[in-house]
Amino acid sequence: MNDQIKETVRFIVNALSVGDMQSLVRQKLLNPDEMDGTLEVIHQYNKHMIAIPPEGWALVDVYCCSQPGHINGQKDVYDIDIPLWTEEEGRSDLMLKINVNHGFVKILDVLVP
């Protein structure tokens, strides 16, 4: 994962941690119709999300995208699973799933797998 993608992920985590879904929508990182569901998952988790620590980046999983319309093995299209961290737990059960398509990032989901 390159530095630009890491910076985008840092922006996403910060926005999620303060409930700023509008910023994510304005930056085209989150679809407007997914704002409420994403915010609800975070509220239900009921912990205080924090930035990913340096050691957390080693736990990120990058894999080939298998979404319809994408060609497996396409170098510039991939999905990333990013463990999220909270003040209370450190590494939490929350997971951020994103898609990177030729440098453009899109939030796929925030969930507890």
PDB file of N, CA and C in Angstrom:
ATOM      1  N   MET A   1       0.852  -1.169   0.000  1.00  0.00           N
ATOM      2  CA  MET A   1       0.000   0.000   0.000  1.00  0.00           C
ATOM      3  C   MET A   1       0.901   1.235   0.000  1.00  0.00           C
ATOM      4  N   ASN A   2       0.664   2.123  -0.939  1.00  0.00           N
ATOM      5  CA  ASN A   2       1.528   3.298  -1.045  1.00  0.00           C
ATOM      6  C   ASN A   2       1.132   4.379  -0.029  1.00  0.00           C
ATOM      7  N   ASP A   3       1.970   5.405   0.082  1.00  0.00           N
ATOM      8  CA  ASP A   3       1.765   6.461   1.072  1.00  0.00           C
ATOM      9  C   ASP A   3       0.478   7.252   0.825  1.00  0.00           C
ATOM     10  N   GLN A   4       0.117   7.440  -0.427  1.00  0.00           N
ATOM     11  CA  GLN A   4      -1.109   8.182  -0.743  1.00  0.00           C
ATOM     12  C   GLN A   4      -2.334   7.431  -0.227  1.00  0.00           C
ATOM     13  N   ILE A   5      -2.351   6.118  -0.412  1.00  0.00           N
ATOM     14  CA  ILE A   5      -3.472   5.313   0.077  1.00  0.00           C
ATOM     15  C   ILE A   5      -3.487   5.338   1.607  1.00  0.00           C
ATOM     16  N   LYS A   6      -2.320   5.246   2.234  1.00  0.00           N
ATOM     17  CA  LYS A   6      -2.257   5.321   3.701  1.00  0.00           C
ATOM     18  C   LYS A   6      -2.811   6.646   4.211  1.00  0.00           C
ATOM     19  N   GLU A   7      -2.482   7.734   3.548  1.00  0.00           N
ATOM     20  CA  GLU A   7      -3.006   9.039   3.966  1.00  0.00           C
ATOM     21  C   GLU A   7      -4.520   9.084   3.831  1.00  0.00           C
ATOM     22  N   THR A   8      -5.035   8.500   2.765  1.00  0.00           N
ATOM     23  CA  THR A   8      -6.489   8.446   2.584  1.00  0.00           C
ATOM     24  C   THR A   8      -7.125   7.614   3.686  1.00  0.00           C
ATOM     25  N   VAL A   9      -6.510   6.491   4.028  1.00  0.00           N
ATOM     26  CA  VAL A   9      -7.036   5.651   5.109  1.00  0.00           C
ATOM     27  C   VAL A   9      -6.996   6.416   6.429  1.00  0.00           C
ATOM     28  N   ARG A  10      -5.931   7.149   6.683  1.00  0.00           N
ATOM     29  CA  ARG A  10      -5.856   7.963   7.911  1.00  0.00           C
ATOM     30  C   ARG A  10      -7.003   8.981   7.947  1.00  0.00           C
ATOM     31  N   PHE A  11      -7.277   9.610   6.806  1.00  0.00           N
ATOM     32  CA  PHE A  11      -8.387  10.560   6.708  1.00  0.00           C
ATOM     33  C   PHE A  11      -9.709   9.864   7.014  1.00  0.00           C
ATOM     34  N   ILE A  12      -9.912   8.682   6.437  1.00  0.00           N
ATOM     35  CA  ILE A  12     -11.143   7.919   6.662  1.00  0.00           C
ATOM     36  C   ILE A  12     -11.297   7.583   8.139  1.00  0.00           C
ATOM     37  N   VAL A  13     -10.251   7.058   8.753  1.00  0.00           N
ATOM     38  CA  VAL A  13     -10.320   6.656  10.167  1.00  0.00           C
ATOM     39  C   VAL A  13     -10.621   7.870  11.036  1.00  0.00           C
ATOM     40  N   ASN A  14      -9.982   8.997  10.745  1.00  0.00           N
ATOM     41  CA  ASN A  14     -10.252  10.205  11.519  1.00  0.00           C
ATOM     42  C   ASN A  14     -11.713  10.629  11.382  1.00  0.00           C
ATOM     43  N   ALA A  15     -12.213  10.646  10.158  1.00  0.00           N
ATOM     44  CA  ALA A  15     -13.612  11.033   9.931  1.00  0.00           C
ATOM     45  C   ALA A  15     -14.567  10.060  10.626  1.00  0.00           C
ATOM     46  N   LEU A  16     -14.294   8.766  10.540  1.00  0.00           N
ATOM     47  CA  LEU A  16     -15.131   7.786  11.210  1.00  0.00           C
ATOM     48  C   LEU A  16     -15.113   7.986  12.721  1.00  0.00           C
ATOM     49  N   SER A  17     -13.943   8.314  13.253  1.00  0.00           N
ATOM     50  CA  SER A  17     -13.802   8.436  14.708  1.00  0.00           C
ATOM     51  C   SER A  17     -14.607   9.599  15.276  1.00  0.00           C
ATOM     52  N   VAL A  18     -14.853  10.619  14.474  1.00  0.00           N
ATOM     53  CA  VAL A  18     -15.645  11.759  14.945  1.00  0.00           C
ATOM     54  C   VAL A  18     -17.043  11.783  14.328  1.00  0.00           C
ATOM     55  N   GLY A  19     -17.390  10.748  13.572  1.00  0.00           N
ATOM     56  CA  GLY A  19     -18.719  10.654  12.980  1.00  0.00           C
ATOM     57  C   GLY A  19     -18.960  11.618  11.831  1.00  0.00           C
ATOM     58  N   ASP A  20     -17.905  12.023  11.150  1.00  0.00           N
ATOM     59  CA  ASP A  20     -18.016  12.987  10.058  1.00  0.00           C
ATOM     60  C   ASP A  20     -18.222  12.272   8.721  1.00  0.00           C
ATOM     61  N   MET A  21     -19.401  11.715   8.556  1.00  0.00           N
ATOM     62  CA  MET A  21     -19.711  10.996   7.324  1.00  0.00           C
ATOM     63  C   MET A  21     -19.804  11.947   6.132  1.00  0.00           C
ATOM     64  N   GLN A  22     -20.202  13.202   6.384  1.00  0.00           N
ATOM     65  CA  GLN A  22     -20.327  14.172   5.293  1.00  0.00           C
ATOM     66  C   GLN A  22     -18.992  14.406   4.582  1.00  0.00           C
ATOM     67  N   SER A  23     -17.904  14.457   5.345  1.00  0.00           N
ATOM     68  CA  SER A  23     -16.581  14.631   4.719  1.00  0.00           C
ATOM     69  C   SER A  23     -16.252  13.455   3.829  1.00  0.00           C
ATOM     70  N   LEU A  24     -16.617  12.270   4.259  1.00  0.00           N
ATOM     71  CA  LEU A  24     -16.344  11.073   3.455  1.00  0.00           C
ATOM     72  C   LEU A  24     -17.159  11.090   2.172  1.00  0.00           C
ATOM     73  N   VAL A  25     -18.396  11.559   2.258  1.00  0.00           N
ATOM     74  CA  VAL A  25     -19.242  11.659   1.072  1.00  0.00           C
ATOM     75  C   VAL A  25     -18.697  12.743   0.137  1.00  0.00           C
ATOM     76  N   ARG A  26     -18.339  13.906   0.694  1.00  0.00           N
ATOM     77  CA  ARG A  26     -17.809  15.000  -0.139  1.00  0.00           C
ATOM     78  C   ARG A  26     -16.548  14.581  -0.888  1.00  0.00           C
ATOM     79  N   GLN A  27     -15.712  13.767  -0.248  1.00  0.00           N
ATOM     80  CA  GLN A  27     -14.477  13.303  -0.883  1.00  0.00           C
ATOM     81  C   GLN A  27     -14.708  12.090  -1.786  1.00  0.00           C
ATOM     82  N   LYS A  28     -15.972  11.681  -1.907  1.00  0.00           N
ATOM     83  CA  LYS A  28     -16.373  10.539  -2.736  1.00  0.00           C
ATOM     84  C   LYS A  28     -15.754   9.220  -2.262  1.00  0.00           C
ATOM     85  N   LEU A  29     -15.548   9.138  -0.947  1.00  0.00           N
ATOM     86  CA  LEU A  29     -15.020   7.916  -0.349  1.00  0.00           C
ATOM     87  C   LEU A  29     -16.139   7.003   0.131  1.00  0.00           C
ATOM     88  N   LEU A  30     -17.322   7.578   0.324  1.00  0.00           N
ATOM     89  CA  LEU A  30     -18.476   6.842   0.832  1.00  0.00           C
ATOM     90  C   LEU A  30     -19.711   7.276   0.066  1.00  0.00           C
ATOM     91  N   ASN A  31     -20.532   6.311  -0.319  1.00  0.00           N
ATOM     92  CA  ASN A  31     -21.784   6.623  -0.997  1.00  0.00           C
ATOM     93  C   ASN A  31     -22.760   7.241   0.002  1.00  0.00           C
ATOM     94  N   PRO A  32     -23.491   8.270  -0.396  1.00  0.00           N
ATOM     95  CA  PRO A  32     -24.421   8.924   0.522  1.00  0.00           C
ATOM     96  C   PRO A  32     -25.437   7.968   1.148  1.00  0.00           C
ATOM     97  N   ASP A  33     -25.901   6.993   0.380  1.00  0.00           N
ATOM     98  CA  ASP A  33     -26.901   6.067   0.914  1.00  0.00           C
ATOM     99  C   ASP A  33     -26.320   5.069   1.919  1.00  0.00           C
ATOM    100  N   GLU A  34     -25.004   5.098   2.142  1.00  0.00           N
ATOM    101  CA  GLU A  34     -24.372   4.198   3.112  1.00  0.00           C
ATOM    102  C   GLU A  34     -23.959   4.920   4.398  1.00  0.00           C
ATOM    103  N   MET A  35     -24.206   6.236   4.458  1.00  0.00           N
ATOM    104  CA  MET A  35     -23.782   7.031   5.612  1.00  0.00           C
ATOM    105  C   MET A  35     -24.403   6.530   6.914  1.00  0.00           C
ATOM    106  N   ASP A  36     -25.711   6.388   6.923  1.00  0.00           N
ATOM    107  CA  ASP A  36     -26.404   6.018   8.161  1.00  0.00           C
ATOM    108  C   ASP A  36     -25.993   4.646   8.657  1.00  0.00           C
ATOM    109  N   GLY A  37     -25.894   3.687   7.761  1.00  0.00           N
ATOM    110  CA  GLY A  37     -25.510   2.332   8.154  1.00  0.00           C
ATOM    111  C   GLY A  37     -24.098   2.274   8.701  1.00  0.00           C
ATOM    112  N   THR A  38     -23.193   3.014   8.079  1.00  0.00           N
ATOM    113  CA  THR A  38     -21.801   3.040   8.544  1.00  0.00           C
ATOM    114  C   THR A  38     -21.718   3.668   9.927  1.00  0.00           C
ATOM    115  N   LEU A  39     -22.404   4.781  10.107  1.00  0.00           N
ATOM    116  CA  LEU A  39     -22.404   5.461  11.401  1.00  0.00           C
ATOM    117  C   LEU A  39     -23.037   4.589  12.478  1.00  0.00           C
ATOM    118  N   GLU A  40     -24.082   3.877  12.117  1.00  0.00           N
ATOM    119  CA  GLU A  40     -24.762   2.998  13.082  1.00  0.00           C
ATOM    120  C   GLU A  40     -23.840   1.885  13.579  1.00  0.00           C
ATOM    121  N   VAL A  41     -23.068   1.291  12.683  1.00  0.00           N
ATOM    122  CA  VAL A  41     -22.127   0.232  13.079  1.00  0.00           C
ATOM    123  C   VAL A  41     -21.141   0.769  14.112  1.00  0.00           C
ATOM    124  N   ILE A  42     -20.630   1.955  13.875  1.00  0.00           N
ATOM    125  CA  ILE A  42     -19.651   2.549  14.787  1.00  0.00           C
ATOM    126  C   ILE A  42     -20.295   2.884  16.129  1.00  0.00           C
ATOM    127  N   HIS A  43     -21.506   3.454  16.092  1.00  0.00           N
ATOM    128  CA  HIS A  43     -22.198   3.777  17.347  1.00  0.00           C
ATOM    129  C   HIS A  43     -22.526   2.516  18.143  1.00  0.00           C
ATOM    130  N   GLN A  44     -22.968   1.478  17.470  1.00  0.00           N
ATOM    131  CA  GLN A  44     -23.294   0.231  18.162  1.00  0.00           C
ATOM    132  C   GLN A  44     -22.065  -0.418  18.791  1.00  0.00           C
ATOM    133  N   TYR A  45     -20.916  -0.226  18.164  1.00  0.00           N
ATOM    134  CA  TYR A  45     -19.688  -0.798  18.724  1.00  0.00           C
ATOM    135  C   TYR A  45     -19.348  -0.134  20.050  1.00  0.00           C
ATOM    136  N   ASN A  46     -19.713   1.143  20.178  1.00  0.00           N
ATOM    137  CA  ASN A  46     -19.661   1.857  21.450  1.00  0.00           C
ATOM    138  C   ASN A  46     -18.262   1.951  22.068  1.00  0.00           C
ATOM    139  N   LYS A  47     -17.272   2.177  21.245  1.00  0.00           N
ATOM    140  CA  LYS A  47     -15.894   2.409  21.696  1.00  0.00           C
ATOM    141  C   LYS A  47     -15.372   3.650  20.987  1.00  0.00           C
ATOM    142  N   HIS A  48     -14.278   4.201  21.464  1.00  0.00           N
ATOM    143  CA  HIS A  48     -13.693   5.411  20.881  1.00  0.00           C
ATOM    144  C   HIS A  48     -12.571   5.039  19.913  1.00  0.00           C
ATOM    145  N   MET A  49     -12.864   5.178  18.633  1.00  0.00           N
ATOM    146  CA  MET A  49     -11.902   4.827  17.596  1.00  0.00           C
ATOM    147  C   MET A  49     -10.711   5.785  17.631  1.00  0.00           C
ATOM    148  N   ILE A  50      -9.524   5.231  17.409  1.00  0.00           N
ATOM    149  CA  ILE A  50      -8.298   6.021  17.369  1.00  0.00           C
ATOM    150  C   ILE A  50      -7.543   5.717  16.077  1.00  0.00           C
ATOM    151  N   ALA A  51      -6.505   6.494  15.838  1.00  0.00           N
ATOM    152  CA  ALA A  51      -5.673   6.301  14.639  1.00  0.00           C
ATOM    153  C   ALA A  51      -5.009   4.925  14.658  1.00  0.00           C
ATOM    154  N   ILE A  52      -4.736   4.421  13.487  1.00  0.00           N
ATOM    155  CA  ILE A  52      -4.021   3.143  13.360  1.00  0.00           C
ATOM    156  C   ILE A  52      -2.578   3.380  13.802  1.00  0.00           C
ATOM    157  N   PRO A  53      -2.100   2.606  14.774  1.00  0.00           N
ATOM    158  CA  PRO A  53      -0.716   2.790  15.204  1.00  0.00           C
ATOM    159  C   PRO A  53       0.253   2.250  14.156  1.00  0.00           C
ATOM    160  N   PRO A  54       1.518   2.657  14.216  1.00  0.00           N
ATOM    161  CA  PRO A  54       2.491   2.201  13.211  1.00  0.00           C
ATOM    162  C   PRO A  54       2.511   0.678  13.036  1.00  0.00           C
ATOM    163  N   GLU A  55       2.426  -0.064  14.132  1.00  0.00           N
ATOM    164  CA  GLU A  55       2.464  -1.528  14.031  1.00  0.00           C
ATOM    165  C   GLU A  55       1.185  -2.100  13.419  1.00  0.00           C
ATOM    166  N   GLY A  56       0.119  -1.320  13.388  1.00  0.00           N
ATOM    167  CA  GLY A  56      -1.151  -1.780  12.831  1.00  0.00           C
ATOM    168  C   GLY A  56      -1.122  -1.964  11.328  1.00  0.00           C
ATOM    169  N   TRP A  57      -0.247  -1.233  10.649  1.00  0.00           N
ATOM    170  CA  TRP A  57      -0.186  -1.347   9.186  1.00  0.00           C
ATOM    171  C   TRP A  57       0.290  -2.719   8.737  1.00  0.00           C
ATOM    172  N   ALA A  58       1.026  -3.423   9.586  1.00  0.00           N
ATOM    173  CA  ALA A  58       1.482  -4.775   9.241  1.00  0.00           C
ATOM    174  C   ALA A  58       0.325  -5.781   9.240  1.00  0.00           C
ATOM    175  N   LEU A  59      -0.804  -5.413   9.827  1.00  0.00           N
ATOM    176  CA  LEU A  59      -1.959  -6.307   9.926  1.00  0.00           C
ATOM    177  C   LEU A  59      -2.966  -6.103   8.799  1.00  0.00           C
ATOM    178  N   VAL A  60      -2.669  -5.171   7.912  1.00  0.00           N
ATOM    179  CA  VAL A  60      -3.557  -4.876   6.785  1.00  0.00           C
ATOM    180  C   VAL A  60      -3.458  -5.993   5.755  1.00  0.00           C
ATOM    181  N   ASP A  61      -4.611  -6.427   5.243  1.00  0.00           N
ATOM    182  CA  ASP A  61      -4.646  -7.455   4.192  1.00  0.00           C
ATOM    183  C   ASP A  61      -5.015  -6.805   2.861  1.00  0.00           C
ATOM    184  N   VAL A  62      -4.173  -7.002   1.862  1.00  0.00           N
ATOM    185  CA  VAL A  62      -4.430  -6.506   0.511  1.00  0.00           C
ATOM    186  C   VAL A  62      -4.635  -7.716  -0.377  1.00  0.00           C
ATOM    187  N   TYR A  63      -5.706  -7.707  -1.151  1.00  0.00           N
ATOM    188  CA  TYR A  63      -5.956  -8.847  -2.026  1.00  0.00           C
ATOM    189  C   TYR A  63      -6.652  -8.402  -3.302  1.00  0.00           C
ATOM    190  N   CYS A  64      -6.606  -9.265  -4.259  1.00  0.00           N
ATOM    191  CA  CYS A  64      -7.186  -8.985  -5.569  1.00  0.00           C
ATOM    192  C   CYS A  64      -8.699  -8.846  -5.449  1.00  0.00           C
ATOM    193  N   CYS A  65      -9.207  -7.905  -6.165  1.00  0.00           N
ATOM    194  CA  CYS A  65     -10.645  -7.638  -6.139  1.00  0.00           C
ATOM    195  C   CYS A  65     -11.392  -8.696  -6.937  1.00  0.00           C
ATOM    196  N   SER A  66     -12.506  -9.120  -6.390  1.00  0.00           N
ATOM    197  CA  SER A  66     -13.317 -10.126  -7.091  1.00  0.00           C
ATOM    198  C   SER A  66     -14.705  -9.584  -7.388  1.00  0.00           C
ATOM    199  N   GLN A  67     -14.860  -8.265  -7.430  1.00  0.00           N
ATOM    200  CA  GLN A  67     -16.154  -7.676  -7.703  1.00  0.00           C
ATOM    201  C   GLN A  67     -16.502  -7.827  -9.177  1.00  0.00           C
ATOM    202  N   PRO A  68     -17.799  -7.889  -9.485  1.00  0.00           N
ATOM    203  CA  PRO A  68     -18.214  -8.004 -10.889  1.00  0.00           C
ATOM    204  C   PRO A  68     -17.634  -6.863 -11.726  1.00  0.00           C
ATOM    205  N   GLY A  69     -17.189  -7.209 -12.905  1.00  0.00           N
ATOM    206  CA  GLY A  69     -16.656  -6.215 -13.817  1.00  0.00           C
ATOM    207  C   GLY A  69     -15.163  -5.985 -13.679  1.00  0.00           C
ATOM    208  N   HIS A  70     -14.562  -6.549 -12.646  1.00  0.00           N
ATOM    209  CA  HIS A  70     -13.120  -6.401 -12.473  1.00  0.00           C
ATOM    210  C   HIS A  70     -12.422  -7.672 -12.940  1.00  0.00           C
ATOM    211  N   ILE A  71     -11.275  -7.492 -13.503  1.00  0.00           N
ATOM    212  CA  ILE A  71     -10.498  -8.627 -13.988  1.00  0.00           C
ATOM    213  C   ILE A  71      -9.568  -9.078 -12.874  1.00  0.00           C
ATOM    214  N   ASN A  72      -9.660 -10.342 -12.474  1.00  0.00           N
ATOM    215  CA  ASN A  72      -8.765 -10.855 -11.438  1.00  0.00           C
ATOM    216  C   ASN A  72      -7.328 -10.656 -11.859  1.00  0.00           C
ATOM    217  N   GLY A  73      -6.520 -10.207 -10.915  1.00  0.00           N
ATOM    218  CA  GLY A  73      -5.117  -9.980 -11.191  1.00  0.00           C
ATOM    219  C   GLY A  73      -4.822  -8.600 -11.747  1.00  0.00           C
ATOM    220  N   GLN A  74      -5.846  -7.796 -11.934  1.00  0.00           N
ATOM    221  CA  GLN A  74      -5.633  -6.448 -12.437  1.00  0.00           C
ATOM    222  C   GLN A  74      -4.837  -5.670 -11.398  1.00  0.00           C
ATOM    223  N   LYS A  75      -3.662  -5.231 -11.758  1.00  0.00           N
ATOM    224  CA  LYS A  75      -2.685  -4.670 -10.833  1.00  0.00           C
ATOM    225  C   LYS A  75      -3.203  -3.456 -10.059  1.00  0.00           C
ATOM    226  N   ASP A  76      -3.956  -2.596 -10.683  1.00  0.00           N
ATOM    227  CA  ASP A  76      -4.373  -1.353 -10.050  1.00  0.00           C
ATOM    228  C   ASP A  76      -5.766  -1.408  -9.432  1.00  0.00           C
ATOM    229  N   VAL A  77      -6.332  -2.604  -9.289  1.00  0.00           N
ATOM    230  CA  VAL A  77      -7.638  -2.766  -8.663  1.00  0.00           C
ATOM    231  C   VAL A  77      -7.512  -3.837  -7.593  1.00  0.00           C
ATOM    232  N   TYR A  78      -7.737  -3.421  -6.338  1.00  0.00           N
ATOM    233  CA  TYR A  78      -7.616  -4.382  -5.245  1.00  0.00           C
ATOM    234  C   TYR A  78      -8.430  -3.916  -4.051  1.00  0.00           C
ATOM    235  N   ASP A  79      -8.684  -4.844  -3.147  1.00  0.00           N
ATOM    236  CA  ASP A  79      -9.403  -4.579  -1.914  1.00  0.00           C
ATOM    237  C   ASP A  79      -8.427  -4.634  -0.753  1.00  0.00           C
ATOM    238  N   ILE A  80      -8.757  -3.903   0.301  1.00  0.00           N
ATOM    239  CA  ILE A  80      -7.913  -3.865   1.489  1.00  0.00           C
ATOM    240  C   ILE A  80      -8.802  -4.009   2.718  1.00  0.00           C
ATOM    241  N   ASP A  81      -8.423  -4.897   3.624  1.00  0.00           N
ATOM    242  CA  ASP A  81      -9.074  -5.032   4.922  1.00  0.00           C
ATOM    243  C   ASP A  81      -8.153  -4.421   5.971  1.00  0.00           C
ATOM    244  N   ILE A  82      -8.675  -3.464   6.725  1.00  0.00           N
ATOM    245  CA  ILE A  82      -7.865  -2.716   7.677  1.00  0.00           C
ATOM    246  C   ILE A  82      -8.468  -2.856   9.070  1.00  0.00           C
ATOM    247  N   PRO A  83      -7.753  -3.499   9.998  1.00  0.00           N
ATOM    248  CA  PRO A  83      -8.251  -3.563  11.367  1.00  0.00           C
ATOM    249  C   PRO A  83      -8.277  -2.158  11.968  1.00  0.00           C
ATOM    250  N   LEU A  84      -9.323  -1.875  12.728  1.00  0.00           N
ATOM    251  CA  LEU A  84      -9.444  -0.575  13.374  1.00  0.00           C
ATOM    252  C   LEU A  84      -9.101  -0.692  14.851  1.00  0.00           C
ATOM    253  N   TRP A  85      -8.743   0.421  15.449  1.00  0.00           N
ATOM    254  CA  TRP A  85      -8.242   0.463  16.827  1.00  0.00           C
ATOM    255  C   TRP A  85      -9.116   1.378  17.668  1.00  0.00           C
ATOM    256  N   THR A  86      -9.252   1.032  18.960  1.00  0.00           N
ATOM    257  CA  THR A  86     -10.004   1.875  19.883  1.00  0.00           C
ATOM    258  C   THR A  86      -9.167   2.150  21.124  1.00  0.00           C
ATOM    259  N   GLU A  87      -9.518   3.231  21.817  1.00  0.00           N
ATOM    260  CA  GLU A  87      -8.842   3.564  23.075  1.00  0.00           C
ATOM    261  C   GLU A  87      -8.967   2.424  24.073  1.00  0.00           C
ATOM    262  N   GLU A  88     -10.144   1.847  24.134  1.00  0.00           N
ATOM    263  CA  GLU A  88     -10.445   0.849  25.157  1.00  0.00           C
ATOM    264  C   GLU A  88      -9.769  -0.502  24.902  1.00  0.00           C
ATOM    265  N   GLU A  89      -9.643  -0.882  23.642  1.00  0.00           N
ATOM    266  CA  GLU A  89      -9.193  -2.237  23.318  1.00  0.00           C
ATOM    267  C   GLU A  89      -7.840  -2.321  22.630  1.00  0.00           C
ATOM    268  N   GLY A  90      -7.362  -1.227  22.079  1.00  0.00           N
ATOM    269  CA  GLY A  90      -6.247  -1.350  21.150  1.00  0.00           C
ATOM    270  C   GLY A  90      -6.831  -1.874  19.847  1.00  0.00           C
ATOM    271  N   ARG A  91      -6.287  -2.950  19.339  1.00  0.00           N
ATOM    272  CA  ARG A  91      -6.875  -3.534  18.124  1.00  0.00           C
ATOM    273  C   ARG A  91      -8.269  -4.038  18.470  1.00  0.00           C
ATOM    274  N   SER A  92      -9.235  -3.560  17.711  1.00  0.00           N
ATOM    275  CA  SER A  92     -10.629  -3.906  17.988  1.00  0.00           C
ATOM    276  C   SER A  92     -11.114  -4.990  17.029  1.00  0.00           C
ATOM    277  N   ASP A  93     -12.384  -5.320  17.163  1.00  0.00           N
ATOM    278  CA  ASP A  93     -13.015  -6.261  16.234  1.00  0.00           C
ATOM    279  C   ASP A  93     -13.522  -5.554  14.981  1.00  0.00           C
ATOM    280  N   LEU A  94     -13.539  -4.222  14.989  1.00  0.00           N
ATOM    281  CA  LEU A  94     -13.996  -3.469  13.822  1.00  0.00           C
ATOM    282  C   LEU A  94     -13.013  -3.607  12.666  1.00  0.00           C
ATOM    283  N   MET A  95     -13.563  -3.664  11.474  1.00  0.00           N
ATOM    284  CA  MET A  95     -12.751  -3.789  10.264  1.00  0.00           C
ATOM    285  C   MET A  95     -13.253  -2.774   9.233  1.00  0.00           C
ATOM    286  N   LEU A  96     -12.324  -2.068   8.616  1.00  0.00           N
ATOM    287  CA  LEU A  96     -12.628  -1.187   7.504  1.00  0.00           C
ATOM    288  C   LEU A  96     -12.254  -1.916   6.231  1.00  0.00           C
ATOM    289  N   LYS A  97     -13.204  -2.014   5.309  1.00  0.00           N
ATOM    290  CA  LYS A  97     -12.948  -2.649   4.020  1.00  0.00           C
ATOM    291  C   LYS A  97     -13.043  -1.559   2.958  1.00  0.00           C
ATOM    292  N   ILE A  98     -11.967  -1.443   2.154  1.00  0.00           N
ATOM    293  CA  ILE A  98     -11.967  -0.458   1.078  1.00  0.00           C
ATOM    294  C   ILE A  98     -11.592  -1.123  -0.243  1.00  0.00           C
ATOM    295  N   ASN A  99     -11.940  -0.438  -1.316  1.00  0.00           N
ATOM    296  CA  ASN A  99     -11.522  -0.843  -2.649  1.00  0.00           C
ATOM    297  C   ASN A  99     -10.663   0.270  -3.212  1.00  0.00           C
ATOM    298  N   VAL A 100      -9.576  -0.098  -3.853  1.00  0.00           N
ATOM    299  CA  VAL A 100      -8.717   0.852  -4.552  1.00  0.00           C
ATOM    300  C   VAL A 100      -8.793   0.501  -6.033  1.00  0.00           C
ATOM    301  N   ASN A 101      -9.211   1.478  -6.818  1.00  0.00           N
ATOM    302  CA  ASN A 101      -9.375   1.270  -8.258  1.00  0.00           C
ATOM    303  C   ASN A 101      -8.587   2.362  -8.975  1.00  0.00           C
ATOM    304  N   HIS A 102      -7.388   1.988  -9.440  1.00  0.00           N
ATOM    305  CA  HIS A 102      -6.499   2.924 -10.125  1.00  0.00           C
ATOM    306  C   HIS A 102      -6.262   4.182  -9.288  1.00  0.00           C
ATOM    307  N   GLY A 103      -6.025   3.988  -7.996  1.00  0.00           N
ATOM    308  CA  GLY A 103      -5.703   5.082  -7.090  1.00  0.00           C
ATOM    309  C   GLY A 103      -6.891   5.717  -6.401  1.00  0.00           C
ATOM    310  N   PHE A 104      -8.103   5.418  -6.844  1.00  0.00           N
ATOM    311  CA  PHE A 104      -9.300   5.972  -6.226  1.00  0.00           C
ATOM    312  C   PHE A 104      -9.806   5.016  -5.151  1.00  0.00           C
ATOM    313  N   VAL A 105     -10.022   5.545  -3.951  1.00  0.00           N
ATOM    314  CA  VAL A 105     -10.423   4.733  -2.803  1.00  0.00           C
ATOM    315  C   VAL A 105     -11.928   4.877  -2.588  1.00  0.00           C
ATOM    316  N   LYS A 106     -12.564   3.760  -2.247  1.00  0.00           N
ATOM    317  CA  LYS A 106     -13.986   3.743  -1.938  1.00  0.00           C
ATOM    318  C   LYS A 106     -14.180   2.834  -0.725  1.00  0.00           C
ATOM    319  N   ILE A 107     -14.925   3.312   0.260  1.00  0.00           N
ATOM    320  CA  ILE A 107     -15.253   2.477   1.416  1.00  0.00           C
ATOM    321  C   ILE A 107     -16.274   1.438   0.984  1.00  0.00           C
ATOM    322  N   LEU A 108     -15.961   0.178   1.229  1.00  0.00           N
ATOM    323  CA  LEU A 108     -16.898  -0.897   0.948  1.00  0.00           C
ATOM    324  C   LEU A 108     -17.767  -1.185   2.156  1.00  0.00           C
ATOM    325  N   ASP A 109     -17.136  -1.156   3.356  1.00  0.00           N
ATOM    326  CA  ASP A 109     -17.889  -1.519   4.565  1.00  0.00           C
ATOM    327  C   ASP A 109     -17.068  -1.196   5.806  1.00  0.00           C
ATOM    328  N   VAL A 110     -17.749  -1.003   6.903  1.00  0.00           N
ATOM    329  CA  VAL A 110     -17.180  -1.003   8.238  1.00  0.00           C
ATOM    330  C   VAL A 110     -18.016  -2.026   8.991  1.00  0.00           C
ATOM    331  N   LEU A 111     -17.365  -3.050   9.521  1.00  0.00           N
ATOM    332  CA  LEU A 111     -18.103  -4.140  10.120  1.00  0.00           C
ATOM    333  C   LEU A 111     -17.309  -4.844  11.199  1.00  0.00           C
ATOM    334  N   VAL A 112     -18.018  -5.692  11.916  1.00  0.00           N
ATOM    335  CA  VAL A 112     -17.382  -6.635  12.829  1.00  0.00           C
ATOM    336  C   VAL A 112     -17.532  -7.988  12.155  1.00  0.00           C
ATOM    337  N   PRO A 113     -16.419  -8.500  11.585  1.00  0.00           N
ATOM    338  CA  PRO A 113     -16.516  -9.762  10.830  1.00  0.00           C
ATOM    339  C   PRO A 113     -16.841 -10.961  11.714  1.00  0.00           C
TER     340      PRO A 113
END
